[in-house]
Amino acid sequence: MATKVITGVNTRWSYANVWEPKAMEGGKPKFSVSLIIPKSDTVTVGKIKAAIEEAYRDGQSKLKGNAKSVPALSTLRTPLRDGDLERPDDSAYANAYFVNANSTTAPGVVDANRNEILDKSEVYSGCYGRASISFYAFNANGNKGIACGLNNLQKIKDGEPLGGRASAESDFATEEDEDFLG
């Protein structure tokens, strides 16, 4: 399927809601993750652009709806976004693209050896891994475009947690330890 993409291993996960679905703006609860892709990962970026174009071609009749013609891809909302332009104050999105992927069904989540991850604390905003995502056309409530579905996730390595939350290790790594123990 040309609309399915497996991202590179340096994709960073943000807003990782992969264990419990969350409802956004009164919508249906969904599992979701924001995938931060370095601009230097030209292979993944190229695969995503090609998949978006394929989803556009596959979804022509849906995108046309009751209109006389299919809107140009350039006029539609697409999921590949530029972090430098849309999140200039967030260093995690610097020199990167991002794609918000979601699903009504829970994604499979495995480790680097393809073993299922059961410890929910292993997956958090800031870790790195590959994502299996699919692109498709949508036309609902007057909005038309290409969306990104979340299939599965493979955690490759840990990263600095995102969201301003310090780790327990860093919170308690102070010189006052000696006074407490003394």
Protein backbone atom coordinates (compact mmCIF):
# COMPACT_ATOMS: atom_id res chain seq x y z
CA MET A 1 0.00 0.00 0.00
CA ALA A 2 1.64 3.22 -1.19
CA THR A 3 -0.13 5.31 1.46
CA LYS A 4 1.57 3.47 4.34
CA VAL A 5 4.91 4.76 5.68
CA ILE A 6 7.35 3.46 8.29
CA THR A 7 9.29 6.43 9.69
CA GLY A 8 13.02 6.46 10.41
CA VAL A 9 14.51 5.53 13.80
CA ASN A 10 15.27 9.16 14.70
CA THR A 11 11.59 10.10 14.78
CA ARG A 12 10.79 11.61 18.18
CA TRP A 13 7.39 11.11 19.78
CA SER A 14 5.54 14.01 21.36
CA TYR A 15 2.06 14.25 22.86
CA ALA A 16 2.15 10.44 23.06
CA ASN A 17 -1.39 9.31 23.94
CA VAL A 18 -0.87 5.66 23.04
CA TRP A 19 -2.32 3.88 26.08
CA GLU A 20 -5.59 5.76 26.66
CA PRO A 21 -7.64 7.49 23.95
CA LYS A 22 -8.30 11.20 24.48
CA ALA A 23 -11.12 13.27 23.02
CA MET A 24 -10.10 16.53 21.32
CA GLU A 25 -12.60 19.40 21.10
CA GLY A 26 -15.58 17.21 21.91
CA GLY A 27 -14.68 14.67 19.24
CA LYS A 28 -14.41 10.92 19.42
CA PRO A 29 -11.67 9.66 21.81
CA LYS A 30 -8.54 8.73 19.86
CA PHE A 31 -5.05 7.39 20.41
CA SER A 32 -2.51 9.84 19.02
CA VAL A 33 1.11 10.91 18.75
CA SER A 34 2.92 13.84 17.20
CA LEU A 35 5.86 12.48 15.20
CA ILE A 36 8.81 14.86 15.03
CA ILE A 37 10.93 14.02 11.97
CA PRO A 38 14.33 15.68 11.51
CA LYS A 39 14.53 17.58 8.22
CA SER A 40 17.81 15.70 7.68
CA ASP A 41 15.80 12.44 7.42
CA THR A 42 15.09 13.04 3.74
CA VAL A 43 14.15 9.38 3.17
CA THR A 44 11.23 9.50 5.62
CA VAL A 45 10.17 12.98 4.49
CA GLY A 46 10.19 11.81 0.87
CA LYS A 47 8.12 8.71 1.69
CA ILE A 48 5.57 10.86 3.55
CA LYS A 49 5.26 13.34 0.67
CA ALA A 50 4.76 10.48 -1.80
CA ALA A 51 2.16 8.83 0.46
CA ILE A 52 0.24 12.11 0.77
CA GLU A 53 0.18 12.42 -3.04
CA GLU A 54 -1.00 8.80 -3.35
CA ALA A 55 -3.75 9.37 -0.74
CA TYR A 56 -4.81 12.44 -2.73
CA ARG A 57 -5.01 10.38 -5.95
CA ASP A 58 -6.86 7.52 -4.17
CA GLY A 59 -9.32 9.94 -2.55
CA GLN A 60 -10.29 12.03 -5.58
CA SER A 61 -14.00 11.13 -5.46
CA LYS A 62 -14.19 11.71 -1.70
CA LEU A 63 -12.40 15.06 -2.00
CA LYS A 64 -14.62 16.14 -4.89
CA GLY A 65 -17.80 15.43 -2.92
CA ASN A 66 -20.65 17.41 -4.46
CA ALA A 67 -18.33 19.98 -6.05
CA LYS A 68 -17.70 20.16 -9.79
CA SER A 69 -13.98 19.46 -9.47
CA VAL A 70 -11.39 18.03 -7.14
CA PRO A 71 -9.56 20.75 -5.18
CA ALA A 72 -5.83 21.02 -5.86
CA LEU A 73 -3.64 19.23 -3.32
CA SER A 74 -1.87 22.52 -2.57
CA THR A 75 -5.16 24.02 -1.32
CA LEU A 76 -5.95 21.16 1.08
CA ARG A 77 -4.93 20.55 4.67
CA THR A 78 -2.12 18.01 4.72
CA PRO A 79 -0.52 16.38 7.76
CA LEU A 80 3.17 17.14 7.06
CA ARG A 81 3.91 20.39 8.91
CA ASP A 82 7.06 22.47 9.35
CA GLY A 83 8.15 22.72 12.99
CA ASP A 84 10.28 25.84 12.35
CA LEU A 85 7.22 27.70 11.02
CA GLU A 86 4.43 26.33 13.23
CA ARG A 87 6.27 25.78 16.53
CA PRO A 88 9.06 28.40 16.51
CA ASP A 89 9.18 28.62 20.32
CA ASP A 90 9.49 24.86 20.88
CA SER A 91 13.10 23.65 20.51
CA ALA A 92 11.93 20.02 20.13
CA TYR A 93 10.39 21.00 16.77
CA ALA A 94 13.42 22.98 15.51
CA ASN A 95 14.81 21.91 12.13
CA ALA A 96 12.10 19.26 11.89
CA TYR A 97 8.80 18.42 10.29
CA PHE A 98 5.97 16.91 12.28
CA VAL A 99 2.95 14.75 11.57
CA ASN A 100 0.06 14.26 13.98
CA ALA A 101 -1.19 10.67 13.67
CA ASN A 102 -4.25 9.25 15.38
CA SER A 103 -6.52 6.24 15.50
CA THR A 104 -9.69 5.09 17.23
CA THR A 105 -8.00 1.73 17.88
CA ALA A 106 -4.95 1.28 20.11
CA PRO A 107 -1.62 1.05 18.27
CA GLY A 108 0.60 -1.94 18.79
CA VAL A 109 3.68 -0.83 20.73
CA VAL A 110 6.92 -2.84 20.62
CA ASP A 111 10.55 -2.39 21.60
CA ALA A 112 13.63 -2.47 19.35
CA ASN A 113 13.50 -6.30 19.38
CA ARG A 114 9.80 -6.28 18.40
CA ASN A 115 8.67 -7.45 21.86
CA GLU A 116 5.40 -5.94 23.09
CA ILE A 117 5.92 -3.12 25.59
CA LEU A 118 3.72 -3.68 28.64
CA ASP A 119 5.26 -1.12 31.04
CA LYS A 120 3.43 2.10 30.17
CA SER A 121 6.23 4.25 31.61
CA GLU A 122 8.52 3.02 28.80
CA VAL A 123 6.60 5.08 26.23
CA TYR A 124 6.49 8.83 26.78
CA SER A 125 6.75 12.14 24.96
CA GLY A 126 10.43 12.52 24.10
CA CYS A 127 11.45 8.95 23.28
CA TYR A 128 12.55 7.94 19.79
CA GLY A 129 11.24 5.25 17.51
CA ARG A 130 9.67 4.24 14.27
CA ALA A 131 6.00 4.65 13.50
CA SER A 132 3.78 2.85 11.03
CA ILE A 133 1.37 5.44 9.67
CA SER A 134 -1.15 5.59 6.80
CA PHE A 135 -2.44 8.57 4.88
CA TYR A 136 -5.99 8.97 3.58
CA ALA A 137 -8.31 11.62 2.16
CA PHE A 138 -11.16 13.04 4.24
CA ASN A 139 -14.18 15.23 3.54
CA ALA A 140 -16.28 15.91 6.62
CA ASN A 141 -18.21 18.91 7.93
CA GLY A 142 -16.87 21.16 5.19
CA ASN A 143 -13.24 20.24 5.87
CA LYS A 144 -11.27 18.46 3.18
CA GLY A 145 -7.74 17.20 3.16
CA ILE A 146 -5.34 14.38 3.85
CA ALA A 147 -5.12 12.88 7.32
CA CYS A 148 -2.66 10.54 8.99
CA GLY A 149 -3.72 7.34 10.72
CA LEU A 150 -1.62 5.73 13.45
CA ASN A 151 -1.00 2.00 13.00
CA ASN A 152 1.85 0.82 15.24
CA LEU A 153 4.91 2.11 17.13
CA GLN A 154 8.38 0.71 17.73
CA LYS A 155 10.41 2.38 20.49
CA ILE A 156 14.09 2.46 19.57
CA LYS A 157 15.69 4.56 22.32
CA ASP A 158 15.02 6.83 25.25
CA GLY A 159 15.18 10.61 24.96
CA GLU A 160 14.84 13.67 27.15
CA PRO A 161 11.18 13.80 28.28
CA LEU A 162 9.22 16.60 26.61
CA GLY A 163 6.66 18.83 28.24
CA GLY A 164 8.81 20.54 30.85
CA ARG A 165 8.66 17.58 33.19
CA ALA A 166 11.96 16.80 34.91
CA SER A 167 12.95 13.20 35.54
CA ALA A 168 13.12 11.92 39.10
CA GLU A 169 16.85 11.29 38.58
CA SER A 170 17.52 14.92 37.71
CA ASP A 171 15.25 16.30 40.46
CA PHE A 172 17.16 14.47 43.16
CA ALA A 173 20.68 14.79 41.76
CA THR A 174 21.77 17.60 44.11
CA GLU A 175 24.76 18.17 46.32
CA GLU A 176 22.45 18.20 49.34
CA ASP A 177 22.51 14.38 49.20
CA GLU A 178 25.67 14.38 51.32
CA ASP A 179 24.07 16.52 54.07
CA PHE A 180 21.04 14.25 54.18
CA LEU A 181 23.16 11.10 54.46
CA GLY A 182 25.60 12.67 56.92
